[in-house]
């Protein structure tokens, strides 16, 4: 008699899950970077917008609760990366509108883009 084969699912890897989010954001026109370590991955999207990923869910800061004096976070399951990317992109658009880059960063970004265009 043979024993049935048992499938063991490997736990999701935070880096690959974060990379999936980065690619989904890129399809929406939002660039981001992925950084990993200590069992988590971070997707850096904009000033004040970092998405944490543990492989099972994404979460990011959405504001500040003045009454409780603590940050407010949103989260989304990692199985639905496209919807999470849409929510993060909406948050990014809000931050870009209400918190634009400083003059110094804007000048550096423009200068770097000009160099890329000249060599590109």
C-alpha atoms as a PDB file:
ATOM      1  CA  UNK A   1       0.000   0.000   0.000  1.00  0.00           C
ATOM      2  CA  UNK A   2       1.403   3.377  -0.972  1.00  0.00           C
ATOM      3  CA  UNK A   3       1.007   6.456   1.114  1.00  0.00           C
ATOM      4  CA  UNK A   4      -0.641   9.484  -0.455  1.00  0.00           C
ATOM      5  CA  UNK A   5       1.778  12.239  -1.342  1.00  0.00           C
ATOM      6  CA  UNK A   6       1.459  15.292   0.880  1.00  0.00           C
ATOM      7  CA  UNK A   7       1.979  18.682  -0.702  1.00  0.00           C
ATOM      8  CA  UNK A   8       3.649  21.135   1.617  1.00  0.00           C
ATOM      9  CA  UNK A   9       3.251  24.721   0.574  1.00  0.00           C
ATOM     10  CA  UNK A  10       6.240  26.941   1.215  1.00  0.00           C
ATOM     11  CA  UNK A  11       5.455  30.136   3.072  1.00  0.00           C
ATOM     12  CA  UNK A  12       5.334  33.202   0.844  1.00  0.00           C
ATOM     13  CA  UNK A  13       8.643  34.975   0.479  1.00  0.00           C
ATOM     14  CA  UNK A  14       8.352  38.665   1.387  1.00  0.00           C
ATOM     15  CA  UNK A  15      10.783  39.799  -1.311  1.00  0.00           C
ATOM     16  CA  UNK A  16       8.967  38.092  -4.180  1.00  0.00           C
ATOM     17  CA  UNK A  17       5.633  39.367  -2.876  1.00  0.00           C
ATOM     18  CA  UNK A  18       7.058  42.898  -2.640  1.00  0.00           C
ATOM     19  CA  UNK A  19       8.489  42.589  -6.159  1.00  0.00           C
ATOM     20  CA  UNK A  20       5.016  41.607  -7.374  1.00  0.00           C
ATOM     21  CA  UNK A  21       3.665  44.808  -5.860  1.00  0.00           C
ATOM     22  CA  UNK A  22       6.470  46.836  -7.444  1.00  0.00           C
ATOM     23  CA  UNK A  23       5.642  45.400 -10.881  1.00  0.00           C
ATOM     24  CA  UNK A  24       1.916  46.035 -10.391  1.00  0.00           C
ATOM     25  CA  UNK A  25       2.679  49.628  -9.378  1.00  0.00           C
ATOM     26  CA  UNK A  26       4.887  50.056 -12.468  1.00  0.00           C
ATOM     27  CA  UNK A  27       1.956  48.980 -14.662  1.00  0.00           C
ATOM     28  CA  UNK A  28       0.022  51.845 -13.046  1.00  0.00           C
ATOM     29  CA  UNK A  29       2.846  54.310 -13.770  1.00  0.00           C
ATOM     30  CA  UNK A  30       4.198  54.416 -10.203  1.00  0.00           C
ATOM     31  CA  UNK A  31       7.888  53.674  -9.735  1.00  0.00           C
ATOM     32  CA  UNK A  32       9.138  52.073  -6.521  1.00  0.00           C
ATOM     33  CA  UNK A  33      12.133  50.294  -4.992  1.00  0.00           C
ATOM     34  CA  UNK A  34      12.205  47.064  -2.980  1.00  0.00           C
ATOM     35  CA  UNK A  35      14.424  46.597   0.069  1.00  0.00           C
ATOM     36  CA  UNK A  36      14.582  43.429   2.153  1.00  0.00           C
ATOM     37  CA  UNK A  37      15.849  42.164   5.456  1.00  0.00           C
ATOM     38  CA  UNK A  38      14.874  40.647   8.794  1.00  0.00           C
ATOM     39  CA  UNK A  39      11.961  38.656   7.329  1.00  0.00           C
ATOM     40  CA  UNK A  40      10.245  41.678   5.785  1.00  0.00           C
ATOM     41  CA  UNK A  41      10.423  43.537   2.517  1.00  0.00           C
ATOM     42  CA  UNK A  42       9.779  47.243   2.054  1.00  0.00           C
ATOM     43  CA  UNK A  43       8.459  48.881  -1.082  1.00  0.00           C
ATOM     44  CA  UNK A  44       9.562  52.514  -1.100  1.00  0.00           C
ATOM     45  CA  UNK A  45       7.070  54.462  -3.200  1.00  0.00           C
ATOM     46  CA  UNK A  46       7.150  58.155  -2.278  1.00  0.00           C
ATOM     47  CA  UNK A  47       8.183  60.450   0.552  1.00  0.00           C
ATOM     48  CA  UNK A  48       6.063  59.222   3.454  1.00  0.00           C
ATOM     49  CA  UNK A  49       4.826  56.126   1.624  1.00  0.00           C
ATOM     50  CA  UNK A  50       6.558  52.856   2.410  1.00  0.00           C
ATOM     51  CA  UNK A  51       4.689  49.574   2.047  1.00  0.00           C
ATOM     52  CA  UNK A  52       5.730  46.743   4.371  1.00  0.00           C
ATOM     53  CA  UNK A  53       5.319  43.165   3.207  1.00  0.00           C
ATOM     54  CA  UNK A  54       5.628  39.953   5.201  1.00  0.00           C
ATOM     55  CA  UNK A  55       4.624  37.723   2.275  1.00  0.00           C
ATOM     56  CA  UNK A  56       1.014  37.422   3.394  1.00  0.00           C
ATOM     57  CA  UNK A  57      -0.105  41.045   3.534  1.00  0.00           C
ATOM     58  CA  UNK A  58       0.883  44.571   2.608  1.00  0.00           C
ATOM     59  CA  UNK A  59       0.458  47.499   4.985  1.00  0.00           C
ATOM     60  CA  UNK A  60       1.235  51.204   4.781  1.00  0.00           C
ATOM     61  CA  UNK A  61       0.697  54.339   6.788  1.00  0.00           C
ATOM     62  CA  UNK A  62      -2.308  56.415   5.723  1.00  0.00           C
ATOM     63  CA  UNK A  63      -2.387  59.163   8.294  1.00  0.00           C
ATOM     64  CA  UNK A  64      -2.245  60.227  11.912  1.00  0.00           C
ATOM     65  CA  UNK A  65      -4.903  59.803  14.603  1.00  0.00           C
ATOM     66  CA  UNK A  66      -4.570  63.001  16.638  1.00  0.00           C
ATOM     67  CA  UNK A  67      -6.912  61.747  19.356  1.00  0.00           C
ATOM     68  CA  UNK A  68      -4.904  58.583  19.973  1.00  0.00           C
ATOM     69  CA  UNK A  69      -1.583  60.155  18.972  1.00  0.00           C
ATOM     70  CA  UNK A  70      -0.600  57.278  16.716  1.00  0.00           C
ATOM     71  CA  UNK A  71      -0.300  56.475  13.022  1.00  0.00           C
ATOM     72  CA  UNK A  72      -3.181  54.950  11.073  1.00  0.00           C
ATOM     73  CA  UNK A  73      -2.409  52.069   8.712  1.00  0.00           C
ATOM     74  CA  UNK A  74      -4.181  50.398   5.807  1.00  0.00           C
ATOM     75  CA  UNK A  75      -3.514  46.800   4.844  1.00  0.00           C
ATOM     76  CA  UNK A  76      -4.349  44.458   2.008  1.00  0.00           C
ATOM     77  CA  UNK A  77      -3.865  40.701   1.459  1.00  0.00           C
ATOM     78  CA  UNK A  78      -0.873  39.853  -0.711  1.00  0.00           C
ATOM     79  CA  UNK A  79      -2.971  37.408  -2.753  1.00  0.00           C
ATOM     80  CA  UNK A  80      -4.675  40.421  -4.377  1.00  0.00           C
ATOM     81  CA  UNK A  81      -1.620  42.353  -5.544  1.00  0.00           C
ATOM     82  CA  UNK A  82      -3.411  44.256  -8.312  1.00  0.00           C
ATOM     83  CA  UNK A  83      -5.976  45.727  -5.902  1.00  0.00           C
ATOM     84  CA  UNK A  84      -3.273  46.507  -3.325  1.00  0.00           C
ATOM     85  CA  UNK A  85      -1.274  48.308  -6.025  1.00  0.00           C
ATOM     86  CA  UNK A  86      -4.336  50.332  -6.975  1.00  0.00           C
ATOM     87  CA  UNK A  87      -4.856  51.396  -3.346  1.00  0.00           C
ATOM     88  CA  UNK A  88      -1.168  52.274  -2.905  1.00  0.00           C
ATOM     89  CA  UNK A  89      -1.195  54.231  -6.192  1.00  0.00           C
ATOM     90  CA  UNK A  90      -4.198  56.225  -4.963  1.00  0.00           C
ATOM     91  CA  UNK A  91      -2.369  57.012  -1.707  1.00  0.00           C
ATOM     92  CA  UNK A  92       0.707  57.993  -3.703  1.00  0.00           C
ATOM     93  CA  UNK A  93      -1.337  60.366  -5.880  1.00  0.00           C
ATOM     94  CA  UNK A  94      -2.769  61.971  -2.752  1.00  0.00           C
ATOM     95  CA  UNK A  95       0.693  62.435  -1.240  1.00  0.00           C
ATOM     96  CA  UNK A  96       2.109  63.854  -4.472  1.00  0.00           C
ATOM     97  CA  UNK A  97      -0.703  66.367  -4.622  1.00  0.00           C
ATOM     98  CA  UNK A  98      -0.513  67.399  -0.983  1.00  0.00           C
ATOM     99  CA  UNK A  99       3.193  66.859  -0.295  1.00  0.00           C
ATOM    100  CA  UNK A 100       5.218  67.661  -3.420  1.00  0.00           C
ATOM    101  CA  UNK A 101       8.964  67.199  -3.561  1.00  0.00           C
ATOM    102  CA  UNK A 102      11.110  69.885  -1.977  1.00  0.00           C
ATOM    103  CA  UNK A 103      12.777  72.375  -4.328  1.00  0.00           C
ATOM    104  CA  UNK A 104      16.174  70.730  -3.786  1.00  0.00           C
ATOM    105  CA  UNK A 105      14.936  67.212  -4.582  1.00  0.00           C
ATOM    106  CA  UNK A 106      12.934  68.520  -7.530  1.00  0.00           C
ATOM    107  CA  UNK A 107      16.023  70.275  -8.936  1.00  0.00           C
ATOM    108  CA  UNK A 108      18.147  67.139  -8.485  1.00  0.00           C
ATOM    109  CA  UNK A 109      15.468  64.973 -10.102  1.00  0.00           C
ATOM    110  CA  UNK A 110      15.161  67.356 -13.057  1.00  0.00           C
ATOM    111  CA  UNK A 111      18.931  67.483 -13.500  1.00  0.00           C
ATOM    112  CA  UNK A 112      19.202  63.684 -13.387  1.00  0.00           C
ATOM    113  CA  UNK A 113      16.351  63.336 -15.898  1.00  0.00           C
ATOM    114  CA  UNK A 114      18.110  65.842 -18.193  1.00  0.00           C
ATOM    115  CA  UNK A 115      21.321  63.802 -18.069  1.00  0.00           C
ATOM    116  CA  UNK A 116      19.379  60.614 -18.795  1.00  0.00           C
ATOM    117  CA  UNK A 117      17.638  62.258 -21.782  1.00  0.00           C
ATOM    118  CA  UNK A 118      20.967  63.512 -23.153  1.00  0.00           C
ATOM    119  CA  UNK A 119      22.623  60.086 -22.944  1.00  0.00           C
ATOM    120  CA  UNK A 120      19.562  57.947 -23.505  1.00  0.00           C
END
